């Protein structure tokens, strides 16, 4: 009879130790996962993005290019201040002309660039030359089709 009590206490002790270990590992995993997820969300805080201005859609034939016929693009500008929206509205024909001219004049290597950073920099520079009361801080393509 004494042997079964020893076995029961040993078994009970083993079960308690295993439960404590499993709970500790699960807690560590849970807190580690959620602390990393909170850090990632801080990088994409909505406050980091300034005001935006939707420029519109463009369909442009490419000049002097045998393999690429046209570009279809939609652009959005990130701007410094909301007051710049009024100037962009007033200068919309000039801005659209600058974008169309820029897109038409690009060569094949720039148009096939994976992240389109070169075209974005050129458009940003051309538009900022037109503006007087502020500047465009970033250019985003919401659609870009090159064929």
C-alpha atoms as a PDB file:
ATOM      1  CA  UNK A   1       0.000   0.000   0.000  1.00  0.00           C
ATOM      2  CA  UNK A   2       2.871   2.387   0.712  1.00  0.00           C
ATOM      3  CA  UNK A   3       4.265   1.895  -2.795  1.00  0.00           C
ATOM      4  CA  UNK A   4       1.068   3.088  -4.524  1.00  0.00           C
ATOM      5  CA  UNK A   5       1.065   6.288  -2.453  1.00  0.00           C
ATOM      6  CA  UNK A   6       4.694   6.991  -3.440  1.00  0.00           C
ATOM      7  CA  UNK A   7       3.842   6.383  -7.074  1.00  0.00           C
ATOM      8  CA  UNK A   8       0.797   8.655  -6.854  1.00  0.00           C
ATOM      9  CA  UNK A   9       2.851  11.471  -5.258  1.00  0.00           C
ATOM     10  CA  UNK A  10       5.599  11.024  -7.844  1.00  0.00           C
ATOM     11  CA  UNK A  11       3.052  11.036 -10.667  1.00  0.00           C
ATOM     12  CA  UNK A  12       1.283  14.076  -9.217  1.00  0.00           C
ATOM     13  CA  UNK A  13       4.599  15.939  -8.837  1.00  0.00           C
ATOM     14  CA  UNK A  14       5.575  15.071 -12.418  1.00  0.00           C
ATOM     15  CA  UNK A  15       2.227  16.317 -13.772  1.00  0.00           C
ATOM     16  CA  UNK A  16       2.531  19.588 -11.831  1.00  0.00           C
ATOM     17  CA  UNK A  17       6.081  20.181 -13.107  1.00  0.00           C
ATOM     18  CA  UNK A  18       4.989  19.508 -16.710  1.00  0.00           C
ATOM     19  CA  UNK A  19       2.024  21.887 -16.395  1.00  0.00           C
ATOM     20  CA  UNK A  20       4.291  24.640 -15.008  1.00  0.00           C
ATOM     21  CA  UNK A  21       6.814  24.144 -17.858  1.00  0.00           C
ATOM     22  CA  UNK A  22       4.128  24.150 -20.563  1.00  0.00           C
ATOM     23  CA  UNK A  23       2.498  27.255 -19.063  1.00  0.00           C
ATOM     24  CA  UNK A  24       5.864  29.043 -18.936  1.00  0.00           C
ATOM     25  CA  UNK A  25       6.704  28.227 -22.562  1.00  0.00           C
ATOM     26  CA  UNK A  26       3.232  29.271 -23.739  1.00  0.00           C
ATOM     27  CA  UNK A  27       3.424  32.556 -21.778  1.00  0.00           C
ATOM     28  CA  UNK A  28       6.891  33.340 -23.147  1.00  0.00           C
ATOM     29  CA  UNK A  29       5.745  32.679 -26.716  1.00  0.00           C
ATOM     30  CA  UNK A  30       2.587  34.747 -26.283  1.00  0.00           C
ATOM     31  CA  UNK A  31       4.345  37.809 -24.826  1.00  0.00           C
ATOM     32  CA  UNK A  32       7.222  37.616 -27.311  1.00  0.00           C
ATOM     33  CA  UNK A  33       4.848  37.499 -30.276  1.00  0.00           C
ATOM     34  CA  UNK A  34       2.701  40.403 -29.139  1.00  0.00           C
ATOM     35  CA  UNK A  35       5.632  42.616 -28.136  1.00  0.00           C
ATOM     36  CA  UNK A  36       7.106  42.218 -31.668  1.00  0.00           C
ATOM     37  CA  UNK A  37       3.708  42.934 -33.255  1.00  0.00           C
ATOM     38  CA  UNK A  38       3.396  46.182 -31.265  1.00  0.00           C
ATOM     39  CA  UNK A  39       6.839  47.339 -32.490  1.00  0.00           C
ATOM     40  CA  UNK A  40       5.878  46.728 -36.121  1.00  0.00           C
ATOM     41  CA  UNK A  41       2.673  48.741 -35.790  1.00  0.00           C
ATOM     42  CA  UNK A  42       4.606  51.781 -34.578  1.00  0.00           C
ATOM     43  CA  UNK A  43       6.500  51.904 -37.899  1.00  0.00           C
ATOM     44  CA  UNK A  44       3.273  52.273 -39.893  1.00  0.00           C
ATOM     45  CA  UNK A  45       1.557  54.889 -37.780  1.00  0.00           C
ATOM     46  CA  UNK A  46      -0.935  56.907 -39.821  1.00  0.00           C
ATOM     47  CA  UNK A  47       0.474  60.145 -38.384  1.00  0.00           C
ATOM     48  CA  UNK A  48       3.676  59.631 -40.421  1.00  0.00           C
ATOM     49  CA  UNK A  49       1.802  60.324 -43.655  1.00  0.00           C
ATOM     50  CA  UNK A  50       1.108  63.942 -44.504  1.00  0.00           C
ATOM     51  CA  UNK A  51      -1.788  65.269 -46.522  1.00  0.00           C
ATOM     52  CA  UNK A  52      -2.228  63.847 -49.998  1.00  0.00           C
ATOM     53  CA  UNK A  53      -3.467  65.134 -53.319  1.00  0.00           C
ATOM     54  CA  UNK A  54      -4.822  62.835 -56.036  1.00  0.00           C
ATOM     55  CA  UNK A  55      -3.431  64.025 -59.344  1.00  0.00           C
ATOM     56  CA  UNK A  56      -5.484  61.723 -61.526  1.00  0.00           C
ATOM     57  CA  UNK A  57      -5.143  59.080 -64.225  1.00  0.00           C
ATOM     58  CA  UNK A  58      -2.824  59.206 -67.223  1.00  0.00           C
ATOM     59  CA  UNK A  59      -2.637  57.184 -70.429  1.00  0.00           C
ATOM     60  CA  UNK A  60       0.460  58.205 -72.364  1.00  0.00           C
ATOM     61  CA  UNK A  61       2.053  56.986 -75.608  1.00  0.00           C
ATOM     62  CA  UNK A  62       5.791  56.532 -75.295  1.00  0.00           C
ATOM     63  CA  UNK A  63       8.010  58.508 -77.665  1.00  0.00           C
ATOM     64  CA  UNK A  64      11.014  56.784 -79.313  1.00  0.00           C
ATOM     65  CA  UNK A  65      10.488  53.324 -77.872  1.00  0.00           C
ATOM     66  CA  UNK A  66      10.033  50.241 -79.991  1.00  0.00           C
ATOM     67  CA  UNK A  67       9.038  47.706 -77.311  1.00  0.00           C
ATOM     68  CA  UNK A  68       6.863  49.838 -75.005  1.00  0.00           C
ATOM     69  CA  UNK A  69       3.792  51.460 -76.526  1.00  0.00           C
ATOM     70  CA  UNK A  70       2.065  53.185 -73.635  1.00  0.00           C
ATOM     71  CA  UNK A  71       1.861  53.796 -69.892  1.00  0.00           C
ATOM     72  CA  UNK A  72      -1.295  53.908 -67.819  1.00  0.00           C
ATOM     73  CA  UNK A  73      -0.735  55.487 -64.414  1.00  0.00           C
ATOM     74  CA  UNK A  74      -2.564  57.019 -61.481  1.00  0.00           C
ATOM     75  CA  UNK A  75      -0.637  59.320 -59.160  1.00  0.00           C
ATOM     76  CA  UNK A  76      -1.008  60.678 -55.640  1.00  0.00           C
ATOM     77  CA  UNK A  77       1.233  63.369 -54.152  1.00  0.00           C
ATOM     78  CA  UNK A  78       2.168  63.676 -50.504  1.00  0.00           C
ATOM     79  CA  UNK A  79       2.357  67.381 -49.717  1.00  0.00           C
ATOM     80  CA  UNK A  80       3.828  69.526 -46.954  1.00  0.00           C
ATOM     81  CA  UNK A  81       0.752  71.532 -46.002  1.00  0.00           C
ATOM     82  CA  UNK A  82      -2.950  71.508 -46.810  1.00  0.00           C
ATOM     83  CA  UNK A  83      -2.663  75.024 -48.284  1.00  0.00           C
ATOM     84  CA  UNK A  84      -0.722  73.552 -51.202  1.00  0.00           C
ATOM     85  CA  UNK A  85      -3.861  71.757 -52.422  1.00  0.00           C
ATOM     86  CA  UNK A  86      -5.297  75.084 -53.566  1.00  0.00           C
ATOM     87  CA  UNK A  87      -2.204  75.854 -55.636  1.00  0.00           C
ATOM     88  CA  UNK A  88      -2.173  72.349 -57.093  1.00  0.00           C
ATOM     89  CA  UNK A  89      -5.802  72.810 -58.163  1.00  0.00           C
ATOM     90  CA  UNK A  90      -4.981  76.152 -59.827  1.00  0.00           C
ATOM     91  CA  UNK A  91      -1.926  74.718 -61.555  1.00  0.00           C
ATOM     92  CA  UNK A  92      -3.477  71.361 -62.432  1.00  0.00           C
ATOM     93  CA  UNK A  93      -3.010  71.803 -66.218  1.00  0.00           C
ATOM     94  CA  UNK A  94       0.674  72.658 -65.709  1.00  0.00           C
ATOM     95  CA  UNK A  95       1.182  69.741 -63.324  1.00  0.00           C
ATOM     96  CA  UNK A  96      -0.557  67.271 -65.652  1.00  0.00           C
ATOM     97  CA  UNK A  97       1.496  68.553 -68.605  1.00  0.00           C
ATOM     98  CA  UNK A  98       4.742  68.107 -66.665  1.00  0.00           C
ATOM     99  CA  UNK A  99       3.776  64.547 -65.717  1.00  0.00           C
ATOM    100  CA  UNK A 100       2.728  63.628 -69.270  1.00  0.00           C
ATOM    101  CA  UNK A 101       5.936  65.084 -70.721  1.00  0.00           C
ATOM    102  CA  UNK A 102       8.015  63.242 -68.137  1.00  0.00           C
ATOM    103  CA  UNK A 103       6.305  59.905 -68.738  1.00  0.00           C
ATOM    104  CA  UNK A 104       6.525  60.246 -72.541  1.00  0.00           C
ATOM    105  CA  UNK A 105      10.249  60.963 -72.482  1.00  0.00           C
ATOM    106  CA  UNK A 106      11.373  57.989 -70.371  1.00  0.00           C
ATOM    107  CA  UNK A 107      13.453  55.163 -71.795  1.00  0.00           C
ATOM    108  CA  UNK A 108      12.755  51.458 -71.487  1.00  0.00           C
ATOM    109  CA  UNK A 109      15.181  50.739 -68.626  1.00  0.00           C
ATOM    110  CA  UNK A 110      13.625  53.404 -66.398  1.00  0.00           C
ATOM    111  CA  UNK A 111      10.080  52.314 -67.252  1.00  0.00           C
ATOM    112  CA  UNK A 112      10.810  48.683 -66.386  1.00  0.00           C
ATOM    113  CA  UNK A 113      12.445  49.582 -63.063  1.00  0.00           C
ATOM    114  CA  UNK A 114      10.895  47.440 -60.305  1.00  0.00           C
ATOM    115  CA  UNK A 115       9.956  50.141 -57.781  1.00  0.00           C
ATOM    116  CA  UNK A 116       9.762  53.121 -60.206  1.00  0.00           C
ATOM    117  CA  UNK A 117      11.914  55.296 -57.919  1.00  0.00           C
ATOM    118  CA  UNK A 118      13.610  57.104 -60.802  1.00  0.00           C
ATOM    119  CA  UNK A 119      10.324  58.171 -62.398  1.00  0.00           C
ATOM    120  CA  UNK A 120       8.981  59.260 -58.997  1.00  0.00           C
ATOM    121  CA  UNK A 121      12.056  61.437 -58.366  1.00  0.00           C
ATOM    122  CA  UNK A 122      11.829  63.034 -61.811  1.00  0.00           C
ATOM    123  CA  UNK A 123       8.093  63.764 -61.456  1.00  0.00           C
ATOM    124  CA  UNK A 124       8.618  65.177 -57.960  1.00  0.00           C
ATOM    125  CA  UNK A 125      11.397  67.453 -59.217  1.00  0.00           C
ATOM    126  CA  UNK A 126       9.415  68.662 -62.248  1.00  0.00           C
ATOM    127  CA  UNK A 127       6.295  69.415 -60.205  1.00  0.00           C
ATOM    128  CA  UNK A 128       8.242  71.183 -57.442  1.00  0.00           C
ATOM    129  CA  UNK A 129       9.702  73.533 -60.079  1.00  0.00           C
ATOM    130  CA  UNK A 130       6.142  74.615 -60.942  1.00  0.00           C
ATOM    131  CA  UNK A 131       4.921  75.140 -57.361  1.00  0.00           C
ATOM    132  CA  UNK A 132       5.523  78.394 -55.442  1.00  0.00           C
ATOM    133  CA  UNK A 133       3.852  77.970 -52.018  1.00  0.00           C
ATOM    134  CA  UNK A 134       5.264  74.598 -50.992  1.00  0.00           C
ATOM    135  CA  UNK A 135       6.477  71.339 -52.380  1.00  0.00           C
ATOM    136  CA  UNK A 136       5.560  67.740 -53.025  1.00  0.00           C
ATOM    137  CA  UNK A 137       7.381  65.501 -50.545  1.00  0.00           C
ATOM    138  CA  UNK A 138       6.535  62.129 -52.083  1.00  0.00           C
ATOM    139  CA  UNK A 139       4.985  60.644 -55.223  1.00  0.00           C
ATOM    140  CA  UNK A 140       3.027  57.387 -55.224  1.00  0.00           C
ATOM    141  CA  UNK A 141       1.679  55.381 -58.117  1.00  0.00           C
ATOM    142  CA  UNK A 142      -1.696  53.920 -57.242  1.00  0.00           C
ATOM    143  CA  UNK A 143      -1.673  52.265 -60.665  1.00  0.00           C
ATOM    144  CA  UNK A 144       1.192  51.752 -63.103  1.00  0.00           C
ATOM    145  CA  UNK A 145       0.881  49.668 -66.248  1.00  0.00           C
ATOM    146  CA  UNK A 146       3.675  49.650 -68.818  1.00  0.00           C
ATOM    147  CA  UNK A 147       3.005  47.915 -72.157  1.00  0.00           C
END
